[in-house]
């Protein structure tokens, strides 16, 4: 009998997609700017913070939004961007499951 825990193919593929999404330095900088803001940011504010073109930032935001790291909300002619707070627990839980580690409840 095999007592080894098993990571399902579906979950492994989901986690792999998350890590692919995060495997870009500019995308991580964009996510960091959004996640550390205490209010929704416009695309223009993110552009100014990371020093990249609007098209570059918009492309990275679309990828982050596809994987639900950020939420995009149209507000007239502006788009407001917020971080998904569920990532603060989902990512550590994913790593714990992959590494078969028990999480510290504190």
Protein backbone atom coordinates (compact mmCIF):
# COMPACT_ATOMS: atom_id res chain seq x y z
CA UNK A 1 0.00 0.00 0.00
CA UNK A 2 1.28 3.45 -0.87
CA UNK A 3 0.81 5.94 1.97
CA UNK A 4 2.37 8.80 0.03
CA UNK A 5 0.08 11.82 -0.33
CA UNK A 6 -0.86 12.60 -3.89
CA UNK A 7 -1.10 15.94 -5.62
CA UNK A 8 -3.80 15.66 -8.28
CA UNK A 9 -2.95 16.49 -11.88
CA UNK A 10 -5.59 19.21 -11.90
CA UNK A 11 -4.17 20.97 -8.83
CA UNK A 12 -0.60 20.54 -10.08
CA UNK A 13 -1.58 22.18 -13.39
CA UNK A 14 -3.35 25.03 -11.56
CA UNK A 15 -0.32 25.65 -9.37
CA UNK A 16 2.03 25.47 -12.35
CA UNK A 17 -0.05 28.15 -14.09
CA UNK A 18 0.16 30.38 -10.99
CA UNK A 19 3.95 30.04 -10.90
CA UNK A 20 4.23 30.65 -14.66
CA UNK A 21 2.21 33.82 -14.15
CA UNK A 22 4.61 34.98 -11.44
CA UNK A 23 7.75 34.03 -13.37
CA UNK A 24 8.35 37.50 -14.77
CA UNK A 25 10.20 40.30 -12.99
CA UNK A 26 8.08 43.11 -14.40
CA UNK A 27 4.88 41.26 -13.55
CA UNK A 28 6.11 40.77 -9.98
CA UNK A 29 6.89 44.49 -9.71
CA UNK A 30 3.42 45.36 -11.01
CA UNK A 31 1.82 42.96 -8.52
CA UNK A 32 3.96 44.36 -5.70
CA UNK A 33 2.87 47.93 -6.45
CA UNK A 34 -0.79 46.90 -6.48
CA UNK A 35 -0.57 44.63 -3.43
CA UNK A 36 1.19 47.21 -1.26
CA UNK A 37 -1.22 50.01 -2.07
CA UNK A 38 -3.89 50.82 0.50
CA UNK A 39 -6.32 51.83 -2.24
CA UNK A 40 -7.20 50.81 -5.81
CA UNK A 41 -4.73 52.11 -8.37
CA UNK A 42 -5.23 53.30 -11.91
CA UNK A 43 -3.16 51.83 -14.71
CA UNK A 44 -1.46 55.23 -15.04
CA UNK A 45 -0.37 55.14 -11.39
CA UNK A 46 1.08 51.67 -11.88
CA UNK A 47 2.86 52.80 -15.06
CA UNK A 48 4.46 55.66 -13.13
CA UNK A 49 5.48 53.39 -10.27
CA UNK A 50 7.18 50.70 -12.37
CA UNK A 51 8.54 52.94 -15.14
CA UNK A 52 7.24 50.82 -18.01
CA UNK A 53 4.98 51.75 -20.91
CA UNK A 54 1.22 51.65 -20.54
CA UNK A 55 0.95 48.84 -23.08
CA UNK A 56 3.49 46.75 -21.15
CA UNK A 57 1.76 47.32 -17.82
CA UNK A 58 -1.66 46.64 -19.34
CA UNK A 59 -0.42 43.36 -20.83
CA UNK A 60 0.99 42.25 -17.47
CA UNK A 61 -2.17 43.29 -15.66
CA UNK A 62 -4.26 41.23 -18.08
CA UNK A 63 -2.13 38.17 -17.34
CA UNK A 64 -2.35 38.77 -13.58
CA UNK A 65 -6.11 39.25 -13.85
CA UNK A 66 -6.52 36.02 -15.89
CA UNK A 67 -4.95 34.11 -13.00
CA UNK A 68 -6.91 36.17 -10.45
CA UNK A 69 -3.91 37.79 -8.75
CA UNK A 70 -5.53 41.17 -9.37
CA UNK A 71 -9.02 42.45 -10.05
CA UNK A 72 -9.71 45.03 -12.76
CA UNK A 73 -12.75 47.28 -12.43
CA UNK A 74 -13.84 49.77 -15.07
CA UNK A 75 -14.58 53.18 -13.64
CA UNK A 76 -15.58 55.46 -16.48
CA UNK A 77 -12.54 55.83 -18.71
CA UNK A 78 -10.19 54.52 -16.00
CA UNK A 79 -9.49 51.00 -14.86
CA UNK A 80 -9.01 50.49 -11.13
CA UNK A 81 -6.73 47.67 -10.04
CA UNK A 82 -6.76 45.86 -6.69
CA UNK A 83 -4.89 42.81 -5.43
CA UNK A 84 -6.76 39.62 -4.67
CA UNK A 85 -6.37 39.16 -0.89
CA UNK A 86 -7.04 35.43 -1.22
CA UNK A 87 -3.54 35.07 -2.71
CA UNK A 88 -2.08 35.75 0.73
CA UNK A 89 -3.40 32.36 1.86
CA UNK A 90 -3.76 30.44 -1.42
CA UNK A 91 -0.10 30.69 -2.45
CA UNK A 92 1.35 29.52 0.87
CA UNK A 93 -1.21 26.70 0.96
CA UNK A 94 -0.20 25.66 -2.56
CA UNK A 95 3.48 25.55 -1.61
CA UNK A 96 2.65 23.59 1.54
CA UNK A 97 0.64 21.07 -0.46
CA UNK A 98 3.39 20.71 -3.07
CA UNK A 99 6.05 20.23 -0.40
CA UNK A 100 3.74 18.12 1.79
CA UNK A 101 4.37 20.45 4.71
CA UNK A 102 2.00 21.22 7.50
CA UNK A 103 1.27 24.91 7.85
CA UNK A 104 1.86 26.68 11.13
CA UNK A 105 -1.58 27.92 12.28
CA UNK A 106 -0.08 31.10 13.78
